[in-house]
Amino acid sequence: MNKDDLATFVSQETDLSKKVAGETIRAVFQGISSALDEGGSVSIMGFGTFKVVERAAREGRNPKTGEKIQIQPYKAVKFTPGQSLKQRVR
């Protein structure tokens, strides 16, 4: 499912127009992105939690040459599913 499919689904479930549903979805994603950009986390009860985690520097290998390389530390987004989502997916 892509964002357009999601907008179609939301418009059918809520009787909103597809345009309004798409704008709402974009606003939700922007809110999640803004919170994560500020270093916070976003918890959606029954769905899950998005948070920023720091990945430590580590040694890796170049897959072509096998040469050892140093991978710099970086930030990544982690999603932890909520209990009801875990049960539904099983």
C-alpha atoms as a PDB file:
ATOM      1  CA  MET A   1       0.000   0.000   0.000  1.00  0.00           C
ATOM      2  CA  ASN A   2       1.358   3.419  -0.911  1.00  0.00           C
ATOM      3  CA  LYS A   3       0.274   6.863   0.292  1.00  0.00           C
ATOM      4  CA  ASP A   4      -2.344   7.217  -2.455  1.00  0.00           C
ATOM      5  CA  ASP A   5      -3.853   3.825  -1.554  1.00  0.00           C
ATOM      6  CA  LEU A   6      -3.887   4.879   2.103  1.00  0.00           C
ATOM      7  CA  ALA A   7      -5.691   8.119   1.210  1.00  0.00           C
ATOM      8  CA  THR A   8      -8.288   6.108  -0.712  1.00  0.00           C
ATOM      9  CA  PHE A   9      -8.778   3.770   2.250  1.00  0.00           C
ATOM     10  CA  VAL A  10      -9.111   6.645   4.734  1.00  0.00           C
ATOM     11  CA  SER A  11     -11.591   8.474   2.493  1.00  0.00           C
ATOM     12  CA  GLN A  12     -13.757   5.343   2.245  1.00  0.00           C
ATOM     13  CA  GLU A  13     -13.639   4.670   5.992  1.00  0.00           C
ATOM     14  CA  THR A  14     -14.378   8.251   7.058  1.00  0.00           C
ATOM     15  CA  ASP A  15     -16.541   9.670   4.254  1.00  0.00           C
ATOM     16  CA  LEU A  16     -13.932  12.388   3.680  1.00  0.00           C
ATOM     17  CA  SER A  17     -12.916  13.338   0.177  1.00  0.00           C
ATOM     18  CA  LYS A  18      -9.750  11.689  -1.076  1.00  0.00           C
ATOM     19  CA  LYS A  19      -8.074  15.112  -1.244  1.00  0.00           C
ATOM     20  CA  VAL A  20      -8.852  15.899   2.419  1.00  0.00           C
ATOM     21  CA  ALA A  21      -7.774  12.408   3.470  1.00  0.00           C
ATOM     22  CA  GLY A  22      -4.465  12.840   1.595  1.00  0.00           C
ATOM     23  CA  GLU A  23      -3.847  16.250   3.217  1.00  0.00           C
ATOM     24  CA  THR A  24      -4.602  14.773   6.640  1.00  0.00           C
ATOM     25  CA  ILE A  25      -2.187  11.897   6.084  1.00  0.00           C
ATOM     26  CA  ARG A  26       0.533  14.326   4.937  1.00  0.00           C
ATOM     27  CA  ALA A  27      -0.046  16.418   8.085  1.00  0.00           C
ATOM     28  CA  VAL A  28       0.238  13.337  10.327  1.00  0.00           C
ATOM     29  CA  PHE A  29       3.487  12.274   8.640  1.00  0.00           C
ATOM     30  CA  GLN A  30       4.829  15.823   8.939  1.00  0.00           C
ATOM     31  CA  GLY A  31       3.977  15.867  12.653  1.00  0.00           C
ATOM     32  CA  ILE A  32       5.752  12.552  13.220  1.00  0.00           C
ATOM     33  CA  SER A  33       8.778  13.742  11.236  1.00  0.00           C
ATOM     34  CA  SER A  34       8.942  17.042  13.146  1.00  0.00           C
ATOM     35  CA  ALA A  35       8.811  15.308  16.525  1.00  0.00           C
ATOM     36  CA  LEU A  36      11.579  12.899  15.506  1.00  0.00           C
ATOM     37  CA  ASP A  37      13.651  15.736  14.032  1.00  0.00           C
ATOM     38  CA  GLU A  38      13.554  17.447  17.441  1.00  0.00           C
ATOM     39  CA  GLY A  39      14.818  14.255  19.096  1.00  0.00           C
ATOM     40  CA  GLY A  40      11.489  13.212  20.576  1.00  0.00           C
ATOM     41  CA  SER A  41       9.449  10.092  20.097  1.00  0.00           C
ATOM     42  CA  VAL A  42       5.895   9.472  18.893  1.00  0.00           C
ATOM     43  CA  SER A  43       3.694   6.889  20.620  1.00  0.00           C
ATOM     44  CA  ILE A  44       0.407   5.877  19.040  1.00  0.00           C
ATOM     45  CA  MET A  45      -1.576   3.686  21.442  1.00  0.00           C
ATOM     46  CA  GLY A  46      -2.418   0.335  19.932  1.00  0.00           C
ATOM     47  CA  PHE A  47      -0.105   0.909  16.960  1.00  0.00           C
ATOM     48  CA  GLY A  48       3.458   1.518  18.100  1.00  0.00           C
ATOM     49  CA  THR A  49       6.259   3.947  18.872  1.00  0.00           C
ATOM     50  CA  PHE A  50       8.651   5.811  16.588  1.00  0.00           C
ATOM     51  CA  LYS A  51      11.905   7.029  18.129  1.00  0.00           C
ATOM     52  CA  VAL A  52      15.375   8.159  17.106  1.00  0.00           C
ATOM     53  CA  VAL A  53      18.260   5.890  18.087  1.00  0.00           C
ATOM     54  CA  GLU A  54      21.984   6.466  17.778  1.00  0.00           C
ATOM     55  CA  ARG A  55      23.971   3.828  15.930  1.00  0.00           C
ATOM     56  CA  ALA A  56      27.548   3.511  17.174  1.00  0.00           C
ATOM     57  CA  ALA A  57      30.604   3.656  14.948  1.00  0.00           C
ATOM     58  CA  ARG A  58      31.689   0.235  13.799  1.00  0.00           C
ATOM     59  CA  GLU A  59      33.967  -1.587  11.472  1.00  0.00           C
ATOM     60  CA  GLY A  60      32.507  -2.973   8.267  1.00  0.00           C
ATOM     61  CA  ARG A  61      33.721  -4.463   5.019  1.00  0.00           C
ATOM     62  CA  ASN A  62      33.534  -3.251   1.453  1.00  0.00           C
ATOM     63  CA  PRO A  63      31.505  -6.019  -0.245  1.00  0.00           C
ATOM     64  CA  LYS A  64      33.426  -5.690  -3.534  1.00  0.00           C
ATOM     65  CA  THR A  65      36.986  -5.740  -2.202  1.00  0.00           C
ATOM     66  CA  GLY A  66      36.601  -7.211   1.275  1.00  0.00           C
ATOM     67  CA  GLU A  67      38.606  -4.240   2.580  1.00  0.00           C
ATOM     68  CA  LYS A  68      37.863  -3.140   6.163  1.00  0.00           C
ATOM     69  CA  ILE A  69      36.195   0.253   6.429  1.00  0.00           C
ATOM     70  CA  GLN A  70      35.105   2.437   9.342  1.00  0.00           C
ATOM     71  CA  ILE A  71      31.370   3.184   9.444  1.00  0.00           C
ATOM     72  CA  GLN A  72      30.643   6.511  11.129  1.00  0.00           C
ATOM     73  CA  PRO A  73      28.044   6.828  13.923  1.00  0.00           C
ATOM     74  CA  TYR A  74      24.608   7.960  12.749  1.00  0.00           C
ATOM     75  CA  LYS A  75      21.018   8.437  13.856  1.00  0.00           C
ATOM     76  CA  ALA A  76      18.231   6.153  12.649  1.00  0.00           C
ATOM     77  CA  VAL A  77      14.483   5.914  13.177  1.00  0.00           C
ATOM     78  CA  LYS A  78      13.276   2.839  15.039  1.00  0.00           C
ATOM     79  CA  PHE A  79       9.680   1.621  15.089  1.00  0.00           C
ATOM     80  CA  THR A  80       8.482  -0.664  17.869  1.00  0.00           C
ATOM     81  CA  PRO A  81       5.052  -2.153  17.179  1.00  0.00           C
ATOM     82  CA  GLY A  82       2.403  -2.044  19.910  1.00  0.00           C
ATOM     83  CA  GLN A  83       0.917  -5.177  21.412  1.00  0.00           C
ATOM     84  CA  SER A  84      -2.366  -5.052  19.472  1.00  0.00           C
ATOM     85  CA  LEU A  85      -0.517  -4.574  16.153  1.00  0.00           C
ATOM     86  CA  LYS A  86       1.741  -7.537  16.954  1.00  0.00           C
ATOM     87  CA  GLN A  87      -1.284  -9.709  17.694  1.00  0.00           C
ATOM     88  CA  ARG A  88      -3.092  -8.629  14.553  1.00  0.00           C
ATOM     89  CA  VAL A  89      -0.151  -9.413  12.288  1.00  0.00           C
ATOM     90  CA  ARG A  90       0.412 -12.897  13.697  1.00  0.00           C
END
